[in-house]
Amino acid sequence: MKLFAIRFFAALLATAAIWDGTALGQDSWRRVTARDGTFTVEMPGEPAYITRDVKTDNGVFVAHRYIAQVGGTDYVVQFTIAPPNVDLSDTRKVLQSALDGVAKQLRGGTWENVRWTTYQGLTACDAIGVKNDGTAMRVFSVIKRRTQFNLLYARKGAAVAADADRFIGSFLAQ
């Protein structure tokens, strides 16, 4: 089941990274609470909420996304809940595999910077890279209980910015 967990979360992170940016938000920051209460985060504008089915080796699962796009910058919070049969005992390995899956879309096939950290006592990663089309992106990922959260900040230019720090730094998993 570990291989399934790795593939499952790699597929979810990859779908967040290739999101096409069709939702629009307003340029005023506000605290957003997930419909099911699983998280709060500050986003610049009211995000669109969408769900997307993600096919894996073990069935179809739902990815929940909150998306705001302001001035060419995308702010995305995606989460999904792993079924009970998915082994998440090696969280770092699961997160690394997801990063490796997305790296295929990046210049040189690699992240420019990956920082492993602790978030609410849990292993988390904060990665920065540039896609082949020149879009810089920052991805913060953490698994809490059976829920994987991925925050994606993407724009042309640099992924290191005060608004990226505000977005990611404001995230609180419940």
Protein backbone atom coordinates (compact mmCIF):
# COMPACT_ATOMS: atom_id res chain seq x y z
CA MET A 1 0.00 0.00 0.00
CA LYS A 2 2.98 2.38 0.38
CA LEU A 3 3.45 2.48 -3.41
CA PHE A 4 -0.23 3.31 -3.79
CA ALA A 5 0.07 6.17 -1.27
CA ILE A 6 3.01 7.58 -3.15
CA ARG A 7 1.26 7.39 -6.53
CA PHE A 8 -1.98 8.71 -5.05
CA PHE A 9 -0.44 11.87 -3.62
CA ALA A 10 1.89 12.39 -6.59
CA ALA A 11 -1.16 12.44 -8.87
CA LEU A 12 -2.94 14.93 -6.63
CA LEU A 13 -0.01 17.33 -6.43
CA ALA A 14 0.53 17.08 -10.18
CA THR A 15 -3.08 18.06 -10.87
CA ALA A 16 -2.71 21.13 -8.66
CA ALA A 17 0.47 22.12 -10.50
CA ILE A 18 -1.15 21.93 -13.95
CA TRP A 19 -4.34 23.76 -13.02
CA ASP A 20 -5.21 26.13 -15.88
CA GLY A 21 -6.02 29.27 -13.88
CA THR A 22 -9.58 29.90 -15.04
CA ALA A 23 -11.01 31.17 -11.75
CA LEU A 24 -10.85 34.85 -10.89
CA GLY A 25 -10.71 36.52 -7.48
CA GLN A 26 -10.85 40.11 -6.21
CA ASP A 27 -7.76 41.94 -5.00
CA SER A 28 -8.61 42.12 -1.29
CA TRP A 29 -7.22 39.66 1.22
CA ARG A 30 -9.67 37.73 3.38
CA ARG A 31 -9.65 34.72 5.67
CA VAL A 32 -11.15 31.70 3.93
CA THR A 33 -12.48 28.69 5.82
CA ALA A 34 -12.93 25.39 3.99
CA ARG A 35 -16.54 24.33 3.59
CA ASP A 36 -15.89 21.30 5.77
CA GLY A 37 -13.78 23.26 8.28
CA THR A 38 -10.52 21.38 7.55
CA PHE A 39 -8.46 24.57 7.16
CA THR A 40 -8.33 28.35 7.15
CA VAL A 41 -6.06 30.50 4.99
CA GLU A 42 -5.77 34.09 3.79
CA MET A 43 -6.40 34.55 0.07
CA PRO A 44 -6.62 37.72 -2.04
CA GLY A 45 -10.27 37.57 -2.96
CA GLU A 46 -13.08 35.08 -2.68
CA PRO A 47 -11.83 31.80 -4.14
CA ALA A 48 -13.73 29.56 -6.49
CA TYR A 49 -14.40 26.12 -5.03
CA ILE A 50 -14.19 23.15 -7.34
CA THR A 51 -13.83 19.43 -6.98
CA ARG A 52 -12.08 17.13 -9.38
CA ASP A 53 -12.03 13.37 -9.58
CA VAL A 54 -8.50 11.97 -9.56
CA LYS A 55 -8.02 8.45 -10.89
CA THR A 56 -5.48 6.27 -9.12
CA ASP A 57 -4.54 2.60 -9.09
CA ASN A 58 -7.00 2.08 -6.24
CA GLY A 59 -10.02 3.96 -7.55
CA VAL A 60 -11.24 7.52 -7.99
CA PHE A 61 -10.84 10.11 -5.24
CA VAL A 62 -12.00 13.69 -4.93
CA ALA A 63 -9.58 16.61 -4.85
CA HIS A 64 -11.09 19.75 -3.30
CA ARG A 65 -9.69 23.06 -4.56
CA TYR A 66 -10.02 26.65 -3.50
CA ILE A 67 -8.65 28.88 -6.26
CA ALA A 68 -8.09 32.61 -6.48
CA GLN A 69 -6.36 34.32 -9.39
CA VAL A 70 -5.38 37.95 -9.03
CA GLY A 71 -3.21 39.92 -11.43
CA GLY A 72 -1.79 36.83 -13.09
CA THR A 73 -0.95 35.12 -9.79
CA ASP A 74 -2.63 31.86 -8.82
CA TYR A 75 -3.37 30.92 -5.20
CA VAL A 76 -4.59 27.34 -4.82
CA VAL A 77 -5.35 25.23 -1.75
CA GLN A 78 -6.01 21.61 -2.64
CA PHE A 79 -6.77 18.81 -0.24
CA THR A 80 -7.83 15.22 -0.37
CA ILE A 81 -8.49 12.54 2.20
CA ALA A 82 -6.66 9.25 1.85
CA PRO A 83 -8.76 6.12 2.27
CA PRO A 84 -8.00 3.90 5.29
CA ASN A 85 -6.11 1.32 3.18
CA VAL A 86 -3.43 3.86 2.13
CA ASP A 87 -0.22 3.58 4.17
CA LEU A 88 0.96 7.06 5.22
CA SER A 89 3.49 5.88 7.80
CA ASP A 90 6.45 7.42 5.92
CA THR A 91 5.10 10.92 5.35
CA ARG A 92 8.36 12.33 4.01
CA LYS A 93 8.61 9.60 1.39
CA VAL A 94 5.01 10.23 0.28
CA LEU A 95 5.61 13.99 0.02
CA GLN A 96 8.95 13.51 -1.78
CA SER A 97 7.34 11.23 -4.33
CA ALA A 98 4.69 13.87 -5.02
CA LEU A 99 7.43 16.49 -5.49
CA ASP A 100 9.29 14.15 -7.84
CA GLY A 101 6.16 13.71 -9.94
CA VAL A 102 5.74 17.47 -10.37
CA ALA A 103 9.47 17.97 -11.05
CA LYS A 104 8.93 16.43 -14.48
CA GLN A 105 7.10 19.65 -15.44
CA LEU A 106 9.92 21.90 -14.21
CA ARG A 107 12.94 23.31 -16.03
CA GLY A 108 15.71 20.78 -15.83
CA GLY A 109 13.30 18.28 -14.29
CA THR A 110 14.08 19.45 -10.79
CA TRP A 111 13.05 21.87 -8.04
CA GLU A 112 15.32 24.86 -7.45
CA ASN A 113 14.87 24.59 -3.71
CA VAL A 114 13.15 22.11 -1.39
CA ARG A 115 13.02 22.92 2.29
CA TRP A 116 11.85 20.28 4.74
CA THR A 117 10.24 21.73 7.81
CA THR A 118 7.88 20.98 10.67
CA TYR A 119 4.33 22.32 10.58
CA GLN A 120 2.03 21.80 13.58
CA GLY A 121 4.47 19.06 14.66
CA LEU A 122 4.18 17.32 11.25
CA THR A 123 6.68 16.81 8.43
CA ALA A 124 6.09 19.32 5.64
CA CYS A 125 7.88 20.53 2.53
CA ASP A 126 8.13 23.94 0.92
CA ALA A 127 9.44 23.79 -2.66
CA ILE A 128 10.21 26.38 -5.33
CA GLY A 129 10.63 25.71 -9.03
CA VAL A 130 10.06 27.12 -12.51
CA LYS A 131 7.88 25.34 -15.05
CA ASN A 132 9.01 24.98 -18.64
CA ASP A 133 6.69 27.86 -19.66
CA GLY A 134 8.46 30.23 -17.24
CA THR A 135 5.84 30.12 -14.50
CA ALA A 136 7.48 30.22 -11.09
CA MET A 137 5.72 28.20 -8.44
CA ARG A 138 5.96 27.54 -4.75
CA VAL A 139 4.31 24.47 -3.27
CA PHE A 140 3.80 23.82 0.43
CA SER A 141 2.57 20.31 1.33
CA VAL A 142 1.70 18.60 4.59
CA ILE A 143 -0.28 15.53 5.61
CA LYS A 144 -2.38 15.82 8.77
CA ARG A 145 -4.05 12.63 9.87
CA ARG A 146 -5.35 11.28 6.54
CA THR A 147 -5.63 14.62 4.72
CA GLN A 148 -2.96 15.93 2.38
CA PHE A 149 -2.94 19.69 1.91
CA ASN A 150 -1.11 21.31 -1.01
CA LEU A 151 -0.82 25.08 -1.29
CA LEU A 152 0.28 26.34 -4.69
CA TYR A 153 1.41 29.88 -5.48
CA ALA A 154 2.24 30.44 -9.15
CA ARG A 155 3.05 33.41 -11.38
CA LYS A 156 5.40 34.61 -14.08
CA GLY A 157 8.52 35.90 -12.38
CA ALA A 158 9.69 34.86 -8.93
CA ALA A 159 7.90 32.55 -6.50
CA VAL A 160 9.58 34.25 -3.56
CA ALA A 161 7.34 37.18 -2.68
CA ALA A 162 5.61 38.75 0.30
CA ASP A 163 2.19 37.65 -0.93
CA ALA A 164 3.40 34.04 -1.23
CA ASP A 165 4.69 34.21 2.34
CA ARG A 166 1.40 35.69 3.52
CA PHE A 167 -0.68 33.04 1.74
CA ILE A 168 1.36 30.06 2.91
CA GLY A 169 2.14 31.49 6.36
CA SER A 170 -1.55 32.05 7.09
CA PHE A 171 -2.52 28.42 6.47
CA LEU A 172 -3.94 26.58 9.47
CA ALA A 173 -4.99 22.92 9.22
CA GLN A 174 -7.73 21.99 11.70
